[in-house]
PDB file of all heavy atoms in Angstrom:
ATOM      1  N   GLU A   1      -1.304 -18.640  17.742  1.00  0.00           N
ATOM      2  CA  GLU A   1      -2.750 -18.502  17.556  1.00  0.00           C
ATOM      3  C   GLU A   1      -3.074 -17.040  17.285  1.00  0.00           C
ATOM      4  O   GLU A   1      -2.247 -16.159  17.517  1.00  0.00           O
ATOM      5  CB  GLU A   1      -3.500 -19.018  18.778  1.00  0.00           C
ATOM      6  CG  GLU A   1      -3.149 -18.297  20.055  1.00  0.00           C
ATOM      7  CD  GLU A   1      -3.684 -18.988  21.303  1.00  0.00           C
ATOM      8  OE1 GLU A   1      -4.398 -19.999  21.182  1.00  0.00           O
ATOM      9  OE2 GLU A   1      -3.387 -18.496  22.391  1.00  0.00           O
ATOM     10  N   LEU A   2      -4.267 -16.810  16.789  1.00  0.00           N
ATOM     11  CA  LEU A   2      -4.696 -15.436  16.548  1.00  0.00           C
ATOM     12  C   LEU A   2      -4.768 -14.681  17.873  1.00  0.00           C
ATOM     13  O   LEU A   2      -5.255 -15.211  18.867  1.00  0.00           O
ATOM     14  CB  LEU A   2      -6.067 -15.403  15.867  1.00  0.00           C
ATOM     15  CG  LEU A   2      -6.147 -15.940  14.449  1.00  0.00           C
ATOM     16  CD1 LEU A   2      -7.592 -15.891  13.945  1.00  0.00           C
ATOM     17  CD2 LEU A   2      -5.236 -15.163  13.518  1.00  0.00           C
ATOM     18  N   ALA A   3      -4.292 -13.463  17.874  1.00  0.00           N
ATOM     19  CA  ALA A   3      -4.360 -12.622  19.070  1.00  0.00           C
ATOM     20  C   ALA A   3      -5.675 -11.851  19.122  1.00  0.00           C
ATOM     21  O   ALA A   3      -6.056 -11.331  20.171  1.00  0.00           O
ATOM     22  CB  ALA A   3      -3.180 -11.645  19.101  1.00  0.00           C
ATOM     23  N   ARG A   4      -6.330 -11.763  17.976  1.00  0.00           N
ATOM     24  CA  ARG A   4      -7.630 -11.092  17.875  1.00  0.00           C
ATOM     25  C   ARG A   4      -8.573 -12.015  17.116  1.00  0.00           C
ATOM     26  O   ARG A   4      -8.119 -12.851  16.340  1.00  0.00           O
ATOM     27  CB  ARG A   4      -7.487  -9.780  17.087  1.00  0.00           C
ATOM     28  CG  ARG A   4      -6.557  -8.799  17.757  1.00  0.00           C
ATOM     29  CD  ARG A   4      -6.344  -7.490  17.034  1.00  0.00           C
ATOM     30  NE  ARG A   4      -7.092  -7.188  15.854  1.00  0.00           N
ATOM     31  CZ  ARG A   4      -6.662  -6.368  14.902  1.00  0.00           C
ATOM     32  NH1 ARG A   4      -5.489  -5.785  14.991  1.00  0.00           N
ATOM     33  NH2 ARG A   4      -7.402  -6.109  13.854  1.00  0.00           N
ATOM     34  N   PRO A   5      -9.871 -11.853  17.282  1.00  0.00           N
ATOM     35  CA  PRO A   5     -10.799 -12.670  16.499  1.00  0.00           C
ATOM     36  C   PRO A   5     -10.621 -12.426  14.994  1.00  0.00           C
ATOM     37  O   PRO A   5     -10.331 -11.299  14.564  1.00  0.00           O
ATOM     38  CB  PRO A   5     -12.179 -12.187  16.959  1.00  0.00           C
ATOM     39  CG  PRO A   5     -11.946 -11.529  18.282  1.00  0.00           C
ATOM     40  CD  PRO A   5     -10.553 -10.963  18.218  1.00  0.00           C
ATOM     41  N   ALA A   6     -10.797 -13.469  14.214  1.00  0.00           N
ATOM     42  CA  ALA A   6     -10.647 -13.373  12.760  1.00  0.00           C
ATOM     43  C   ALA A   6     -11.580 -12.318  12.165  1.00  0.00           C
ATOM     44  O   ALA A   6     -11.235 -11.680  11.171  1.00  0.00           O
ATOM     45  CB  ALA A   6     -10.899 -14.735  12.114  1.00  0.00           C
ATOM     46  N   ARG A   7     -12.697 -12.102  12.787  1.00  0.00           N
ATOM     47  CA  ARG A   7     -13.657 -11.099  12.277  1.00  0.00           C
ATOM     48  C   ARG A   7     -13.156  -9.672  12.466  1.00  0.00           C
ATOM     49  O   ARG A   7     -13.693  -8.725  11.898  1.00  0.00           O
ATOM     50  CB  ARG A   7     -15.024 -11.286  12.932  1.00  0.00           C
ATOM     51  CG  ARG A   7     -15.080 -10.904  14.379  1.00  0.00           C
ATOM     52  CD  ARG A   7     -16.461 -11.089  15.021  1.00  0.00           C
ATOM     53  NE  ARG A   7     -16.420 -10.786  16.425  1.00  0.00           N
ATOM     54  CZ  ARG A   7     -16.018 -11.624  17.382  1.00  0.00           C
ATOM     55  NH1 ARG A   7     -15.643 -12.837  17.072  1.00  0.00           N
ATOM     56  NH2 ARG A   7     -16.010 -11.245  18.648  1.00  0.00           N
ATOM     57  N   ASP A   8     -12.109  -9.506  13.296  1.00  0.00           N
ATOM     58  CA  ASP A   8     -11.560  -8.177  13.570  1.00  0.00           C
ATOM     59  C   ASP A   8     -10.265  -7.880  12.815  1.00  0.00           C
ATOM     60  O   ASP A   8      -9.644  -6.844  13.040  1.00  0.00           O
ATOM     61  CB  ASP A   8     -11.305  -8.011  15.073  1.00  0.00           C
ATOM     62  CG  ASP A   8     -12.590  -8.019  15.889  1.00  0.00           C
ATOM     63  OD1 ASP A   8     -13.670  -7.778  15.317  1.00  0.00           O
ATOM     64  OD2 ASP A   8     -12.507  -8.292  17.107  1.00  0.00           O
ATOM     65  N   ILE A   9      -9.858  -8.781  11.942  1.00  0.00           N
ATOM     66  CA  ILE A   9      -8.627  -8.591  11.167  1.00  0.00           C
ATOM     67  C   ILE A   9      -9.011  -8.463   9.697  1.00  0.00           C
ATOM     68  O   ILE A   9      -9.558  -9.400   9.109  1.00  0.00           O
ATOM     69  CB  ILE A   9      -7.652  -9.777  11.340  1.00  0.00           C
ATOM     70  CG1 ILE A   9      -7.306  -9.984  12.820  1.00  0.00           C
ATOM     71  CG2 ILE A   9      -6.394  -9.557  10.497  1.00  0.00           C
ATOM     72  CD1 ILE A   9      -6.529 -11.256  13.101  1.00  0.00           C
ATOM     73  N   THR A  10      -8.732  -7.306   9.101  1.00  0.00           N
ATOM     74  CA  THR A  10      -9.085  -7.126   7.695  1.00  0.00           C
ATOM     75  C   THR A  10      -7.904  -7.469   6.786  1.00  0.00           C
ATOM     76  O   THR A  10      -6.741  -7.346   7.181  1.00  0.00           O
ATOM     77  CB  THR A  10      -9.551  -5.690   7.375  1.00  0.00           C
ATOM     78  OG1 THR A  10      -8.438  -4.806   7.463  1.00  0.00           O
ATOM     79  CG2 THR A  10     -10.687  -5.248   8.291  1.00  0.00           C
ATOM     80  N   ILE A  11      -8.238  -7.878   5.593  1.00  0.00           N
ATOM     81  CA  ILE A  11      -7.219  -8.180   4.595  1.00  0.00           C
ATOM     82  C   ILE A  11      -6.434  -6.900   4.271  1.00  0.00           C
ATOM     83  O   ILE A  11      -5.216  -6.929   4.131  1.00  0.00           O
ATOM     84  CB  ILE A  11      -7.853  -8.761   3.305  1.00  0.00           C
ATOM     85  CG1 ILE A  11      -8.729  -9.984   3.623  1.00  0.00           C
ATOM     86  CG2 ILE A  11      -6.792  -9.077   2.261  1.00  0.00           C
ATOM     87  CD1 ILE A  11      -8.037 -11.126   4.274  1.00  0.00           C
ATOM     88  N   GLY A  12      -7.122  -5.773   4.216  1.00  0.00           N
ATOM     89  CA  GLY A  12      -6.471  -4.501   3.905  1.00  0.00           C
ATOM     90  C   GLY A  12      -5.377  -4.139   4.887  1.00  0.00           C
ATOM     91  O   GLY A  12      -4.297  -3.681   4.498  1.00  0.00           O
ATOM     92  N   GLU A  13      -5.627  -4.347   6.182  1.00  0.00           N
ATOM     93  CA  GLU A  13      -4.593  -3.985   7.161  1.00  0.00           C
ATOM     94  C   GLU A  13      -3.380  -4.901   7.054  1.00  0.00           C
ATOM     95  O   GLU A  13      -2.244  -4.462   7.238  1.00  0.00           O
ATOM     96  CB  GLU A  13      -5.150  -3.928   8.583  1.00  0.00           C
ATOM     97  CG  GLU A  13      -5.674  -5.224   9.136  1.00  0.00           C
ATOM     98  CD  GLU A  13      -6.431  -5.044  10.447  1.00  0.00           C
ATOM     99  OE1 GLU A  13      -5.774  -4.848  11.500  1.00  0.00           O
ATOM    100  OE2 GLU A  13      -7.663  -5.119  10.429  1.00  0.00           O
ATOM    101  N   ILE A  14      -3.589  -6.151   6.685  1.00  0.00           N
ATOM    102  CA  ILE A  14      -2.457  -7.073   6.520  1.00  0.00           C
ATOM    103  C   ILE A  14      -1.666  -6.714   5.268  1.00  0.00           C
ATOM    104  O   ILE A  14      -0.431  -6.739   5.270  1.00  0.00           O
ATOM    105  CB  ILE A  14      -2.935  -8.538   6.484  1.00  0.00           C
ATOM    106  CG1 ILE A  14      -3.693  -8.900   7.774  1.00  0.00           C
ATOM    107  CG2 ILE A  14      -1.773  -9.493   6.233  1.00  0.00           C
ATOM    108  CD1 ILE A  14      -2.919  -8.651   9.056  1.00  0.00           C
ATOM    109  N   VAL A  15      -2.360  -6.351   4.206  1.00  0.00           N
ATOM    110  CA  VAL A  15      -1.666  -5.928   2.984  1.00  0.00           C
ATOM    111  C   VAL A  15      -0.823  -4.688   3.270  1.00  0.00           C
ATOM    112  O   VAL A  15       0.347  -4.623   2.885  1.00  0.00           O
ATOM    113  CB  VAL A  15      -2.668  -5.683   1.828  1.00  0.00           C
ATOM    114  CG1 VAL A  15      -2.011  -4.975   0.655  1.00  0.00           C
ATOM    115  CG2 VAL A  15      -3.287  -7.002   1.374  1.00  0.00           C
ATOM    116  N   ARG A  16      -1.378  -3.723   3.964  1.00  0.00           N
ATOM    117  CA  ARG A  16      -0.609  -2.514   4.301  1.00  0.00           C
ATOM    118  C   ARG A  16       0.582  -2.832   5.210  1.00  0.00           C
ATOM    119  O   ARG A  16       1.645  -2.242   5.087  1.00  0.00           O
ATOM    120  CB  ARG A  16      -1.507  -1.451   4.934  1.00  0.00           C
ATOM    121  CG  ARG A  16      -2.312  -0.665   3.914  1.00  0.00           C
ATOM    122  CD  ARG A  16      -3.005   0.530   4.538  1.00  0.00           C
ATOM    123  NE  ARG A  16      -4.105   0.142   5.396  1.00  0.00           N
ATOM    124  CZ  ARG A  16      -5.315  -0.243   4.957  1.00  0.00           C
ATOM    125  NH1 ARG A  16      -5.567  -0.257   3.663  1.00  0.00           N
ATOM    126  NH2 ARG A  16      -6.258  -0.584   5.796  1.00  0.00           N
ATOM    127  N   LEU A  17       0.411  -3.788   6.121  1.00  0.00           N
ATOM    128  CA  LEU A  17       1.486  -4.171   7.030  1.00  0.00           C
ATOM    129  C   LEU A  17       2.643  -4.836   6.280  1.00  0.00           C
ATOM    130  O   LEU A  17       3.806  -4.589   6.583  1.00  0.00           O
ATOM    131  CB  LEU A  17       0.949  -5.145   8.098  1.00  0.00           C
ATOM    132  CG  LEU A  17       1.990  -5.786   9.014  1.00  0.00           C
ATOM    133  CD1 LEU A  17       2.549  -4.758   9.986  1.00  0.00           C
ATOM    134  CD2 LEU A  17       1.387  -6.977   9.753  1.00  0.00           C
ATOM    135  N   THR A  18       2.331  -5.654   5.301  1.00  0.00           N
ATOM    136  CA  THR A  18       3.348  -6.505   4.679  1.00  0.00           C
ATOM    137  C   THR A  18       3.903  -5.980   3.364  1.00  0.00           C
ATOM    138  O   THR A  18       4.955  -6.442   2.921  1.00  0.00           O
ATOM    139  CB  THR A  18       2.799  -7.925   4.463  1.00  0.00           C
ATOM    140  OG1 THR A  18       1.591  -7.846   3.694  1.00  0.00           O
ATOM    141  CG2 THR A  18       2.515  -8.611   5.791  1.00  0.00           C
ATOM    142  N   GLU A  19       3.238  -5.046   2.747  1.00  0.00           N
ATOM    143  CA  GLU A  19       3.721  -4.506   1.471  1.00  0.00           C
ATOM    144  C   GLU A  19       4.558  -3.255   1.710  1.00  0.00           C
ATOM    145  O   GLU A  19       4.106  -2.321   2.357  1.00  0.00           O
ATOM    146  CB  GLU A  19       2.554  -4.167   0.536  1.00  0.00           C
ATOM    147  CG  GLU A  19       1.845  -5.368  -0.031  1.00  0.00           C
ATOM    148  CD  GLU A  19       2.715  -6.219  -0.936  1.00  0.00           C
ATOM    149  OE1 GLU A  19       3.506  -5.680  -1.741  1.00  0.00           O
ATOM    150  OE2 GLU A  19       2.611  -7.453  -0.837  1.00  0.00           O
ATOM    151  N   ASP A  20       5.766  -3.267   1.186  1.00  0.00           N
ATOM    152  CA  ASP A  20       6.650  -2.112   1.329  1.00  0.00           C
ATOM    153  C   ASP A  20       6.300  -0.988   0.364  1.00  0.00           C
ATOM    154  O   ASP A  20       6.479   0.176   0.670  1.00  0.00           O
ATOM    155  CB  ASP A  20       8.105  -2.522   1.098  1.00  0.00           C
ATOM    156  CG  ASP A  20       8.617  -3.423   2.201  1.00  0.00           C
ATOM    157  OD1 ASP A  20       8.140  -3.294   3.339  1.00  0.00           O
ATOM    158  OD2 ASP A  20       9.500  -4.247   1.917  1.00  0.00           O
ATOM    159  N   ASN A  21       5.822  -1.342  -0.806  1.00  0.00           N
ATOM    160  CA  ASN A  21       5.555  -0.339  -1.834  1.00  0.00           C
ATOM    161  C   ASN A  21       4.133  -0.506  -2.349  1.00  0.00           C
ATOM    162  O   ASN A  21       3.837  -1.468  -3.056  1.00  0.00           O
ATOM    163  CB  ASN A  21       6.555  -0.475  -2.982  1.00  0.00           C
ATOM    164  CG  ASN A  21       6.358   0.565  -4.052  1.00  0.00           C
ATOM    165  OD1 ASN A  21       5.510   1.451  -3.945  1.00  0.00           O
ATOM    166  ND2 ASN A  21       7.135   0.460  -5.106  1.00  0.00           N
ATOM    167  N   MET A  22       3.278   0.417  -2.004  1.00  0.00           N
ATOM    168  CA  MET A  22       1.881   0.343  -2.431  1.00  0.00           C
ATOM    169  C   MET A  22       1.617   1.214  -3.669  1.00  0.00           C
ATOM    170  O   MET A  22       0.482   1.384  -4.061  1.00  0.00           O
ATOM    171  CB  MET A  22       0.967   0.788  -1.289  1.00  0.00           C
ATOM    172  CG  MET A  22       1.029  -0.099  -0.064  1.00  0.00           C
ATOM    173  SD  MET A  22       0.210  -1.673  -0.294  1.00  0.00           S
ATOM    174  CE  MET A  22      -1.497  -1.171  -0.161  1.00  0.00           C
ATOM    175  N   ALA A  23       2.674   1.746  -4.270  1.00  0.00           N
ATOM    176  CA  ALA A  23       2.502   2.584  -5.459  1.00  0.00           C
ATOM    177  C   ALA A  23       2.091   1.709  -6.636  1.00  0.00           C
ATOM    178  O   ALA A  23       2.832   0.829  -7.052  1.00  0.00           O
ATOM    179  CB  ALA A  23       3.784   3.322  -5.774  1.00  0.00           C
ATOM    180  N   LEU A  24       0.922   1.946  -7.150  1.00  0.00           N
ATOM    181  CA  LEU A  24       0.402   1.176  -8.268  1.00  0.00           C
ATOM    182  C   LEU A  24       1.178   1.475  -9.550  1.00  0.00           C
ATOM    183  O   LEU A  24       1.484   0.579 -10.323  1.00  0.00           O
ATOM    184  CB  LEU A  24      -1.089   1.487  -8.456  1.00  0.00           C
ATOM    185  CG  LEU A  24      -1.852   0.684  -9.479  1.00  0.00           C
ATOM    186  CD1 LEU A  24      -1.820  -0.804  -9.155  1.00  0.00           C
ATOM    187  CD2 LEU A  24      -3.300   1.163  -9.536  1.00  0.00           C
ATOM    188  N   VAL A  25       1.509   2.716  -9.739  1.00  0.00           N
ATOM    189  CA  VAL A  25       2.295   3.137 -10.906  1.00  0.00           C
ATOM    190  C   VAL A  25       3.376   4.110 -10.443  1.00  0.00           C
ATOM    191  O   VAL A  25       3.304   4.684  -9.360  1.00  0.00           O
ATOM    192  CB  VAL A  25       1.413   3.793 -12.003  1.00  0.00           C
ATOM    193  CG1 VAL A  25       0.524   2.770 -12.684  1.00  0.00           C
ATOM    194  CG2 VAL A  25       0.571   4.915 -11.446  1.00  0.00           C
ATOM    195  N   GLU A  26       4.372   4.292 -11.275  1.00  0.00           N
ATOM    196  CA  GLU A  26       5.526   5.138 -10.944  1.00  0.00           C
ATOM    197  C   GLU A  26       5.112   6.532 -10.469  1.00  0.00           C
ATOM    198  O   GLU A  26       5.686   7.074  -9.530  1.00  0.00           O
ATOM    199  CB  GLU A  26       6.435   5.247 -12.165  1.00  0.00           C
ATOM    200  CG  GLU A  26       7.577   6.212 -11.988  1.00  0.00           C
ATOM    201  CD  GLU A  26       8.266   6.572 -13.296  1.00  0.00           C
ATOM    202  OE1 GLU A  26       7.804   6.137 -14.370  1.00  0.00           O
ATOM    203  OE2 GLU A  26       9.244   7.311 -13.232  1.00  0.00           O
ATOM    204  N   CYS A  27       4.118   7.099 -11.088  1.00  0.00           N
ATOM    205  CA  CYS A  27       3.769   8.486 -10.768  1.00  0.00           C
ATOM    206  C   CYS A  27       3.100   8.642  -9.405  1.00  0.00           C
ATOM    207  O   CYS A  27       2.921   9.759  -8.932  1.00  0.00           O
ATOM    208  CB  CYS A  27       2.903   9.084 -11.866  1.00  0.00           C
ATOM    209  SG  CYS A  27       1.369   8.211 -12.183  1.00  0.00           S
ATOM    210  N   PHE A  28       2.752   7.539  -8.718  1.00  0.00           N
ATOM    211  CA  PHE A  28       2.235   7.668  -7.357  1.00  0.00           C
ATOM    212  C   PHE A  28       3.329   8.145  -6.420  1.00  0.00           C
ATOM    213  O   PHE A  28       3.066   8.741  -5.401  1.00  0.00           O
ATOM    214  CB  PHE A  28       1.658   6.342  -6.868  1.00  0.00           C
ATOM    215  CG  PHE A  28       0.255   6.074  -7.363  1.00  0.00           C
ATOM    216  CD1 PHE A  28      -0.309   6.795  -8.391  1.00  0.00           C
ATOM    217  CD2 PHE A  28      -0.489   5.074  -6.781  1.00  0.00           C
ATOM    218  CE1 PHE A  28      -1.593   6.536  -8.838  1.00  0.00           C
ATOM    219  CE2 PHE A  28      -1.777   4.796  -7.218  1.00  0.00           C
ATOM    220  CZ  PHE A  28      -2.328   5.532  -8.244  1.00  0.00           C
ATOM    221  N   GLY A  29       4.562   7.888  -6.776  1.00  0.00           N
ATOM    222  CA  GLY A  29       5.696   8.421  -6.039  1.00  0.00           C
ATOM    223  C   GLY A  29       6.237   9.609  -6.808  1.00  0.00           C
ATOM    224  O   GLY A  29       7.344   9.574  -7.323  1.00  0.00           O
ATOM    225  N   ALA A  30       5.464  10.651  -6.951  1.00  0.00           N
ATOM    226  CA  ALA A  30       5.764  11.781  -7.839  1.00  0.00           C
ATOM    227  C   ALA A  30       7.156  12.366  -7.645  1.00  0.00           C
ATOM    228  O   ALA A  30       7.746  12.879  -8.590  1.00  0.00           O
ATOM    229  CB  ALA A  30       4.710  12.870  -7.674  1.00  0.00           C
ATOM    230  N   ALA A  31       7.700  12.282  -6.447  1.00  0.00           N
ATOM    231  CA  ALA A  31       9.028  12.845  -6.196  1.00  0.00           C
ATOM    232  C   ALA A  31      10.110  12.115  -6.989  1.00  0.00           C
ATOM    233  O   ALA A  31      11.124  12.702  -7.339  1.00  0.00           O
ATOM    234  CB  ALA A  31       9.349  12.794  -4.711  1.00  0.00           C
ATOM    235  N   THR A  32       9.878  10.852  -7.290  1.00  0.00           N
ATOM    236  CA  THR A  32      10.879  10.072  -8.023  1.00  0.00           C
ATOM    237  C   THR A  32      10.501   9.865  -9.485  1.00  0.00           C
ATOM    238  O   THR A  32      11.255   9.265 -10.235  1.00  0.00           O
ATOM    239  CB  THR A  32      11.083   8.696  -7.361  1.00  0.00           C
ATOM    240  OG1 THR A  32       9.836   8.003  -7.348  1.00  0.00           O
ATOM    241  CG2 THR A  32      11.617   8.846  -5.947  1.00  0.00           C
ATOM    242  N   SER A  33       9.364  10.346  -9.885  1.00  0.00           N
ATOM    243  CA  SER A  33       8.910  10.172 -11.262  1.00  0.00           C
ATOM    244  C   SER A  33       9.406  11.327 -12.137  1.00  0.00           C
ATOM    245  O   SER A  33       9.471  12.468 -11.709  1.00  0.00           O
ATOM    246  CB  SER A  33       7.382  10.131 -11.325  1.00  0.00           C
ATOM    247  OG  SER A  33       6.946  10.018 -12.658  1.00  0.00           O
ATOM    248  N   ASN A  34       9.726  11.000 -13.377  1.00  0.00           N
ATOM    249  CA  ASN A  34      10.145  12.051 -14.296  1.00  0.00           C
ATOM    250  C   ASN A  34       9.087  12.305 -15.374  1.00  0.00           C
ATOM    251  O   ASN A  34       9.376  12.898 -16.396  1.00  0.00           O
ATOM    252  CB  ASN A  34      11.506  11.720 -14.917  1.00  0.00           C
ATOM    253  CG  ASN A  34      11.459  10.432 -15.716  1.00  0.00           C
ATOM    254  OD1 ASN A  34      10.403   9.829 -15.872  1.00  0.00           O
ATOM    255  ND2 ASN A  34      12.602   9.998 -16.220  1.00  0.00           N
ATOM    256  N   CYS A  35       7.861  11.871 -15.112  1.00  0.00           N
ATOM    257  CA  CYS A  35       6.782  12.065 -16.082  1.00  0.00           C
ATOM    258  C   CYS A  35       6.344  13.532 -16.098  1.00  0.00           C
ATOM    259  O   CYS A  35       6.033  14.121 -15.060  1.00  0.00           O
ATOM    260  CB  CYS A  35       5.601  11.175 -15.737  1.00  0.00           C
ATOM    261  SG  CYS A  35       4.215  11.358 -16.887  1.00  0.00           S
ATOM    262  N   LYS A  36       6.300  14.094 -17.273  1.00  0.00           N
ATOM    263  CA  LYS A  36       5.920  15.505 -17.420  1.00  0.00           C
ATOM    264  C   LYS A  36       4.415  15.724 -17.328  1.00  0.00           C
ATOM    265  O   LYS A  36       3.953  16.849 -17.235  1.00  0.00           O
ATOM    266  CB  LYS A  36       6.442  16.035 -18.751  1.00  0.00           C
ATOM    267  CG  LYS A  36       7.956  16.078 -18.796  1.00  0.00           C
ATOM    268  CD  LYS A  36       8.445  16.605 -20.106  1.00  0.00           C
ATOM    269  CE  LYS A  36       9.970  16.642 -20.095  1.00  0.00           C
ATOM    270  NZ  LYS A  36      10.521  17.312 -21.239  1.00  0.00           N
ATOM    271  N   LEU A  37       3.648  14.637 -17.359  1.00  0.00           N
ATOM    272  CA  LEU A  37       2.192  14.755 -17.335  1.00  0.00           C
ATOM    273  C   LEU A  37       1.590  14.781 -15.929  1.00  0.00           C
ATOM    274  O   LEU A  37       0.394  15.008 -15.776  1.00  0.00           O
ATOM    275  CB  LEU A  37       1.566  13.606 -18.125  1.00  0.00           C
ATOM    276  CG  LEU A  37       1.932  13.534 -19.608  1.00  0.00           C
ATOM    277  CD1 LEU A  37       1.303  12.308 -20.232  1.00  0.00           C
ATOM    278  CD2 LEU A  37       1.507  14.800 -20.328  1.00  0.00           C
ATOM    279  N   ILE A  38       2.382  14.550 -14.911  1.00  0.00           N
ATOM    280  CA  ILE A  38       1.853  14.429 -13.545  1.00  0.00           C
ATOM    281  C   ILE A  38       0.891  15.565 -13.173  1.00  0.00           C
ATOM    282  O   ILE A  38      -0.201  15.297 -12.678  1.00  0.00           O
ATOM    283  CB  ILE A  38       2.989  14.281 -12.508  1.00  0.00           C
ATOM    284  CG1 ILE A  38       3.585  12.882 -12.627  1.00  0.00           C
ATOM    285  CG2 ILE A  38       2.486  14.520 -11.085  1.00  0.00           C
ATOM    286  CD1 ILE A  38       4.760  12.619 -11.721  1.00  0.00           C
ATOM    287  N   PRO A  39       1.202  16.812 -13.420  1.00  0.00           N
ATOM    288  CA  PRO A  39       0.287  17.875 -12.987  1.00  0.00           C
ATOM    289  C   PRO A  39      -1.078  17.867 -13.690  1.00  0.00           C
ATOM    290  O   PRO A  39      -2.052  18.386 -13.149  1.00  0.00           O
ATOM    291  CB  PRO A  39       1.040  19.168 -13.329  1.00  0.00           C
ATOM    292  CG  PRO A  39       2.457  18.776 -13.532  1.00  0.00           C
ATOM    293  CD  PRO A  39       2.441  17.359 -13.976  1.00  0.00           C
TER     294      PRO A  39
END
């Protein structure tokens, strides 16, 4: 069962909990991107 009321659980917090990679595009992880336009 829910441990908290449904009104206290946001979709955003569940997405952040369950998604390993929230980078929308490669350059969001600038350390691994080789795009010269980042700056």
